[in-house]
């Protein structure tokens, strides 16, 4: 029972993050040498900040969404939640000028230039 309440609360928090996304910093508008900002593919909040010369792969899922994913809470019993999150991830990624690869199918959608 407690686990189900925690899951419902966490999914509500995810929904609120999706509905109230912060304004994104567009990396291409920053000066050379600036930090690079990366946003969560699921909720749109900041997931990583790296120096311009970063060598490691940036996180594309924030720690809050990663926890939901690790616990398996993104899969709704009725099957509607996870596909909706992938749609949000695709939209958010493409809006910010990045190609999106659907992890379920491997299909890549190119960002408009």
N, C-alpha and C. Protein backbone atom coordinates (compact mmCIF):
# COMPACT_ATOMS: atom_id res chain seq x y z
N UNK A 1 0.83 -1.20 0.00
CA UNK A 1 0.00 0.00 0.00
C UNK A 1 0.86 1.26 0.00
N UNK A 2 1.86 1.30 0.89
CA UNK A 2 2.75 2.46 0.96
C UNK A 2 3.52 2.63 -0.34
N UNK A 3 3.97 1.51 -0.91
CA UNK A 3 4.69 1.56 -2.18
C UNK A 3 3.82 2.18 -3.28
N UNK A 4 2.55 1.82 -3.34
CA UNK A 4 1.63 2.36 -4.34
C UNK A 4 1.40 3.86 -4.12
N UNK A 5 1.30 4.29 -2.87
CA UNK A 5 1.15 5.72 -2.57
C UNK A 5 2.39 6.50 -2.97
N UNK A 6 3.56 5.92 -2.72
CA UNK A 6 4.81 6.57 -3.12
C UNK A 6 4.89 6.69 -4.64
N UNK A 7 4.47 5.65 -5.33
CA UNK A 7 4.47 5.65 -6.80
C UNK A 7 3.53 6.73 -7.33
N UNK A 8 2.34 6.78 -6.79
CA UNK A 8 1.37 7.79 -7.23
C UNK A 8 1.89 9.21 -6.99
N UNK A 9 2.50 9.42 -5.82
CA UNK A 9 3.05 10.74 -5.51
C UNK A 9 4.18 11.09 -6.48
N UNK A 10 5.06 10.13 -6.74
CA UNK A 10 6.20 10.37 -7.65
C UNK A 10 5.70 10.68 -9.06
N UNK A 11 4.67 9.96 -9.53
CA UNK A 11 4.13 10.22 -10.86
C UNK A 11 3.42 11.57 -10.92
N UNK A 12 2.80 11.97 -9.83
CA UNK A 12 2.19 13.30 -9.77
C UNK A 12 3.28 14.37 -9.86
N UNK A 13 4.39 14.16 -9.17
CA UNK A 13 5.50 15.11 -9.24
C UNK A 13 6.04 15.19 -10.66
N UNK A 14 6.13 14.06 -11.34
CA UNK A 14 6.58 14.05 -12.73
C UNK A 14 5.63 14.87 -13.60
N UNK A 15 4.35 14.67 -13.41
CA UNK A 15 3.37 15.42 -14.19
C UNK A 15 3.52 16.93 -13.94
N UNK A 16 3.72 17.31 -12.70
CA UNK A 16 3.92 18.73 -12.38
C UNK A 16 5.19 19.28 -13.02
N UNK A 17 6.27 18.49 -13.02
CA UNK A 17 7.50 18.94 -13.67
C UNK A 17 7.28 19.12 -15.17
N UNK A 18 6.52 18.21 -15.78
CA UNK A 18 6.23 18.31 -17.21
C UNK A 18 5.40 19.55 -17.53
N UNK A 19 4.46 19.87 -16.65
CA UNK A 19 3.57 21.01 -16.89
C UNK A 19 4.22 22.35 -16.57
N UNK A 20 5.26 22.37 -15.76
CA UNK A 20 5.89 23.61 -15.33
C UNK A 20 7.39 23.58 -15.60
N UNK A 21 7.72 23.39 -16.86
CA UNK A 21 9.13 23.31 -17.26
C UNK A 21 9.78 24.68 -17.14
N UNK A 22 11.03 24.70 -16.72
CA UNK A 22 11.74 25.98 -16.68
C UNK A 22 12.13 26.40 -18.10
N UNK A 23 12.44 27.66 -18.27
CA UNK A 23 12.93 28.12 -19.56
C UNK A 23 14.28 27.48 -19.82
N UNK A 24 14.46 26.93 -21.01
CA UNK A 24 15.70 26.23 -21.33
C UNK A 24 16.74 27.20 -21.88
N UNK A 25 17.97 26.97 -21.48
CA UNK A 25 19.09 27.73 -22.02
C UNK A 25 19.51 27.04 -23.31
N UNK A 26 19.58 27.79 -24.39
CA UNK A 26 19.99 27.23 -25.68
C UNK A 26 21.51 27.33 -25.79
N UNK A 27 22.16 26.19 -25.77
CA UNK A 27 23.61 26.14 -25.77
C UNK A 27 24.24 26.89 -26.94
N UNK A 28 23.59 26.84 -28.10
CA UNK A 28 24.16 27.47 -29.29
C UNK A 28 24.19 29.00 -29.19
N UNK A 29 23.47 29.57 -28.24
CA UNK A 29 23.46 31.03 -28.09
C UNK A 29 24.51 31.52 -27.08
N UNK A 30 25.19 30.59 -26.42
CA UNK A 30 26.16 30.96 -25.38
C UNK A 30 27.53 31.26 -25.99
N UNK A 31 28.32 32.00 -25.25
CA UNK A 31 29.68 32.33 -25.69
C UNK A 31 30.56 31.09 -25.63
N UNK A 32 31.63 31.11 -26.43
CA UNK A 32 32.60 30.01 -26.42
C UNK A 32 33.14 29.83 -25.00
N UNK A 33 33.27 28.60 -24.58
CA UNK A 33 33.78 28.30 -23.24
C UNK A 33 32.72 28.25 -22.16
N UNK A 34 31.48 28.55 -22.51
CA UNK A 34 30.40 28.52 -21.52
C UNK A 34 30.05 27.09 -21.15
N UNK A 35 29.42 26.94 -20.01
CA UNK A 35 28.90 25.64 -19.62
C UNK A 35 27.79 25.23 -20.58
N UNK A 36 27.62 23.92 -20.76
CA UNK A 36 26.58 23.39 -21.64
C UNK A 36 25.47 22.81 -20.75
N UNK A 37 24.23 23.08 -21.13
CA UNK A 37 23.08 22.67 -20.33
C UNK A 37 22.29 21.60 -21.09
N UNK A 38 21.95 20.53 -20.38
CA UNK A 38 21.20 19.42 -20.95
C UNK A 38 19.95 19.19 -20.12
N UNK A 39 18.86 18.87 -20.81
CA UNK A 39 17.57 18.76 -20.15
C UNK A 39 16.99 17.36 -20.28
N UNK A 40 16.24 16.98 -19.28
CA UNK A 40 15.65 15.64 -19.18
C UNK A 40 14.69 15.40 -20.35
N UNK A 41 14.83 14.24 -20.98
CA UNK A 41 13.97 13.88 -22.09
C UNK A 41 12.54 13.55 -21.64
N UNK A 42 12.37 13.27 -20.37
CA UNK A 42 11.05 12.89 -19.88
C UNK A 42 10.26 14.05 -19.29
N UNK A 43 10.93 14.93 -18.55
CA UNK A 43 10.19 16.01 -17.88
C UNK A 43 10.59 17.41 -18.33
N UNK A 44 11.74 17.56 -18.96
CA UNK A 44 12.17 18.86 -19.45
C UNK A 44 12.98 19.69 -18.48
N UNK A 45 13.24 19.16 -17.28
CA UNK A 45 14.04 19.89 -16.30
C UNK A 45 15.52 19.60 -16.52
N UNK A 46 16.37 20.40 -15.92
CA UNK A 46 17.81 20.27 -16.07
C UNK A 46 18.28 18.89 -15.63
N UNK A 47 19.05 18.22 -16.50
CA UNK A 47 19.56 16.89 -16.15
C UNK A 47 21.08 16.88 -16.02
N UNK A 48 21.77 17.84 -16.66
CA UNK A 48 23.23 17.85 -16.57
C UNK A 48 23.77 19.22 -17.00
N UNK A 49 24.88 19.60 -16.41
CA UNK A 49 25.62 20.80 -16.78
C UNK A 49 27.07 20.39 -16.90
N UNK A 50 27.64 20.60 -18.08
CA UNK A 50 29.02 20.18 -18.33
C UNK A 50 29.80 21.31 -18.98
N UNK A 51 31.13 21.28 -18.83
CA UNK A 51 31.92 22.29 -19.53
C UNK A 51 31.82 22.06 -21.05
N UNK A 52 32.09 23.10 -21.82
CA UNK A 52 31.98 23.00 -23.27
C UNK A 52 32.86 21.87 -23.82
N UNK A 53 33.96 21.62 -23.19
CA UNK A 53 34.89 20.58 -23.65
C UNK A 53 34.60 19.22 -23.02
N UNK A 54 33.32 18.94 -22.71
CA UNK A 54 32.99 17.70 -22.00
C UNK A 54 33.38 16.48 -22.83
N UNK A 55 33.82 15.45 -22.13
CA UNK A 55 34.21 14.19 -22.77
C UNK A 55 33.24 13.07 -22.44
N UNK A 56 32.58 13.18 -21.28
CA UNK A 56 31.62 12.15 -20.89
C UNK A 56 30.26 12.45 -21.50
N UNK A 57 29.47 11.42 -21.68
CA UNK A 57 28.14 11.59 -22.24
C UNK A 57 27.24 12.29 -21.22
N UNK A 58 26.55 13.34 -21.62
CA UNK A 58 25.65 14.02 -20.68
C UNK A 58 24.46 13.13 -20.32
N UNK A 59 23.96 13.31 -19.10
CA UNK A 59 22.76 12.59 -18.69
C UNK A 59 21.57 13.20 -19.42
N UNK A 60 20.75 12.35 -19.99
CA UNK A 60 19.56 12.83 -20.71
C UNK A 60 18.28 12.59 -19.92
N UNK A 61 18.43 12.03 -18.72
CA UNK A 61 17.30 11.84 -17.82
C UNK A 61 17.73 12.38 -16.46
N UNK A 62 16.93 13.24 -15.86
CA UNK A 62 17.26 13.81 -14.56
C UNK A 62 17.21 12.74 -13.48
N UNK A 63 17.77 13.03 -12.33
CA UNK A 63 17.83 12.03 -11.25
C UNK A 63 16.44 11.62 -10.77
N UNK A 64 15.48 12.55 -10.77
CA UNK A 64 14.12 12.22 -10.33
C UNK A 64 13.47 11.22 -11.30
N UNK A 65 13.59 11.47 -12.60
CA UNK A 65 13.00 10.57 -13.58
C UNK A 65 13.76 9.24 -13.63
N UNK A 66 15.08 9.29 -13.43
CA UNK A 66 15.86 8.06 -13.42
C UNK A 66 15.39 7.14 -12.30
N UNK A 67 15.08 7.71 -11.16
CA UNK A 67 14.57 6.91 -10.04
C UNK A 67 13.25 6.23 -10.42
N UNK A 68 12.36 6.99 -11.07
CA UNK A 68 11.09 6.41 -11.53
C UNK A 68 11.34 5.27 -12.51
N UNK A 69 12.28 5.50 -13.41
CA UNK A 69 12.61 4.48 -14.41
C UNK A 69 13.19 3.24 -13.74
N UNK A 70 14.13 3.45 -12.81
CA UNK A 70 14.77 2.32 -12.12
C UNK A 70 13.77 1.48 -11.32
N UNK A 71 12.77 2.14 -10.76
CA UNK A 71 11.77 1.42 -9.97
C UNK A 71 10.69 0.79 -10.84
N UNK A 72 10.71 1.10 -12.15
CA UNK A 72 9.70 0.55 -13.04
C UNK A 72 8.37 1.27 -12.96
N UNK A 73 8.38 2.46 -12.39
CA UNK A 73 7.13 3.19 -12.17
C UNK A 73 6.67 3.97 -13.40
N UNK A 74 7.41 3.96 -14.46
CA UNK A 74 6.98 4.67 -15.66
C UNK A 74 6.03 3.82 -16.49
N UNK A 75 5.90 2.56 -16.13
CA UNK A 75 4.99 1.68 -16.82
C UNK A 75 3.67 1.63 -16.06
N UNK A 76 2.67 2.20 -16.63
CA UNK A 76 1.35 2.27 -15.99
C UNK A 76 0.60 0.97 -16.25
N UNK A 77 -0.16 0.48 -15.29
CA UNK A 77 -0.92 -0.77 -15.50
C UNK A 77 -1.85 -0.71 -16.70
N UNK A 78 -2.33 0.46 -17.03
CA UNK A 78 -3.24 0.58 -18.17
C UNK A 78 -2.50 0.80 -19.47
N UNK A 79 -1.19 0.99 -19.39
CA UNK A 79 -0.37 1.10 -20.59
C UNK A 79 -0.34 2.47 -21.23
N UNK A 80 -0.89 3.49 -20.60
CA UNK A 80 -0.93 4.80 -21.26
C UNK A 80 0.20 5.72 -20.85
N UNK A 81 0.77 5.55 -19.69
CA UNK A 81 1.73 6.52 -19.18
C UNK A 81 3.07 6.48 -19.91
N UNK A 82 3.65 5.32 -20.02
CA UNK A 82 4.98 5.26 -20.62
C UNK A 82 4.98 5.77 -22.07
N UNK A 83 4.05 5.34 -22.94
CA UNK A 83 4.04 5.90 -24.29
C UNK A 83 3.89 7.42 -24.30
N UNK A 84 3.09 7.96 -23.40
CA UNK A 84 2.93 9.41 -23.32
C UNK A 84 4.25 10.07 -22.95
N UNK A 85 5.02 9.45 -22.06
CA UNK A 85 6.31 10.02 -21.68
C UNK A 85 7.30 9.99 -22.84
N UNK A 86 7.26 8.93 -23.64
CA UNK A 86 8.14 8.90 -24.81
C UNK A 86 7.76 10.00 -25.80
N UNK A 87 6.46 10.28 -25.94
CA UNK A 87 6.03 11.37 -26.81
C UNK A 87 6.55 12.71 -26.30
N UNK A 88 6.48 12.92 -24.99
CA UNK A 88 7.00 14.15 -24.40
C UNK A 88 8.50 14.24 -24.61
N UNK A 89 9.20 13.14 -24.42
CA UNK A 89 10.65 13.11 -24.61
C UNK A 89 11.00 13.48 -26.05
N UNK A 90 10.28 12.92 -27.00
CA UNK A 90 10.54 13.21 -28.41
C UNK A 90 10.30 14.69 -28.71
N UNK A 91 9.17 15.20 -28.27
CA UNK A 91 8.82 16.60 -28.52
C UNK A 91 9.85 17.55 -27.90
N UNK A 92 10.22 17.30 -26.64
CA UNK A 92 11.16 18.16 -25.95
C UNK A 92 12.53 18.13 -26.63
N UNK A 93 12.98 16.95 -27.00
CA UNK A 93 14.28 16.81 -27.63
C UNK A 93 14.32 17.52 -28.97
N UNK A 94 13.30 17.32 -29.79
CA UNK A 94 13.26 17.96 -31.11
C UNK A 94 13.10 19.48 -31.00
N UNK A 95 12.33 19.96 -30.02
CA UNK A 95 12.16 21.40 -29.81
C UNK A 95 13.49 22.08 -29.53
N UNK A 96 14.42 21.35 -28.95
CA UNK A 96 15.71 21.94 -28.59
C UNK A 96 16.78 21.67 -29.63
N UNK A 97 16.35 21.21 -30.79
CA UNK A 97 17.26 21.08 -31.92
C UNK A 97 18.11 19.82 -31.95
N UNK A 98 17.72 18.80 -31.20
CA UNK A 98 18.48 17.56 -31.17
C UNK A 98 17.69 16.45 -31.86
N UNK A 99 18.42 15.54 -32.51
CA UNK A 99 17.78 14.36 -33.08
C UNK A 99 17.27 13.49 -31.93
N UNK A 100 16.18 12.78 -32.18
CA UNK A 100 15.60 11.91 -31.14
C UNK A 100 15.59 10.48 -31.64
N UNK A 101 16.13 9.56 -30.86
CA UNK A 101 16.07 8.13 -31.16
C UNK A 101 15.15 7.47 -30.16
N UNK A 102 14.09 6.87 -30.67
CA UNK A 102 13.13 6.18 -29.81
C UNK A 102 13.78 4.92 -29.25
N UNK A 103 13.93 4.83 -27.92
CA UNK A 103 14.61 3.67 -27.34
C UNK A 103 13.83 2.37 -27.52
N UNK A 104 12.54 2.46 -27.83
CA UNK A 104 11.74 1.25 -28.02
C UNK A 104 11.96 0.64 -29.39
N UNK A 105 12.13 1.50 -30.41
CA UNK A 105 12.20 1.03 -31.80
C UNK A 105 13.56 1.25 -32.44
N UNK A 106 14.35 2.18 -31.87
CA UNK A 106 15.64 2.53 -32.48
C UNK A 106 15.49 3.51 -33.63
N UNK A 107 14.25 3.92 -33.93
CA UNK A 107 13.99 4.85 -35.03
C UNK A 107 14.42 6.26 -34.63
N UNK A 108 15.15 6.93 -35.54
CA UNK A 108 15.63 8.28 -35.27
C UNK A 108 14.83 9.31 -36.06
N UNK A 109 14.42 10.37 -35.36
CA UNK A 109 13.75 11.50 -36.00
C UNK A 109 14.74 12.66 -35.97
N UNK A 110 15.02 13.21 -37.14
CA UNK A 110 15.98 14.31 -37.24
C UNK A 110 15.33 15.62 -36.83
N UNK A 111 16.09 16.44 -36.12
CA UNK A 111 15.62 17.78 -35.74
C UNK A 111 15.62 18.66 -36.97
N UNK A 112 14.70 19.60 -37.01
CA UNK A 112 14.66 20.57 -38.11
C UNK A 112 15.82 21.54 -37.95
N UNK A 113 16.41 21.90 -39.06
CA UNK A 113 17.57 22.81 -39.00
C UNK A 113 17.15 24.23 -39.17
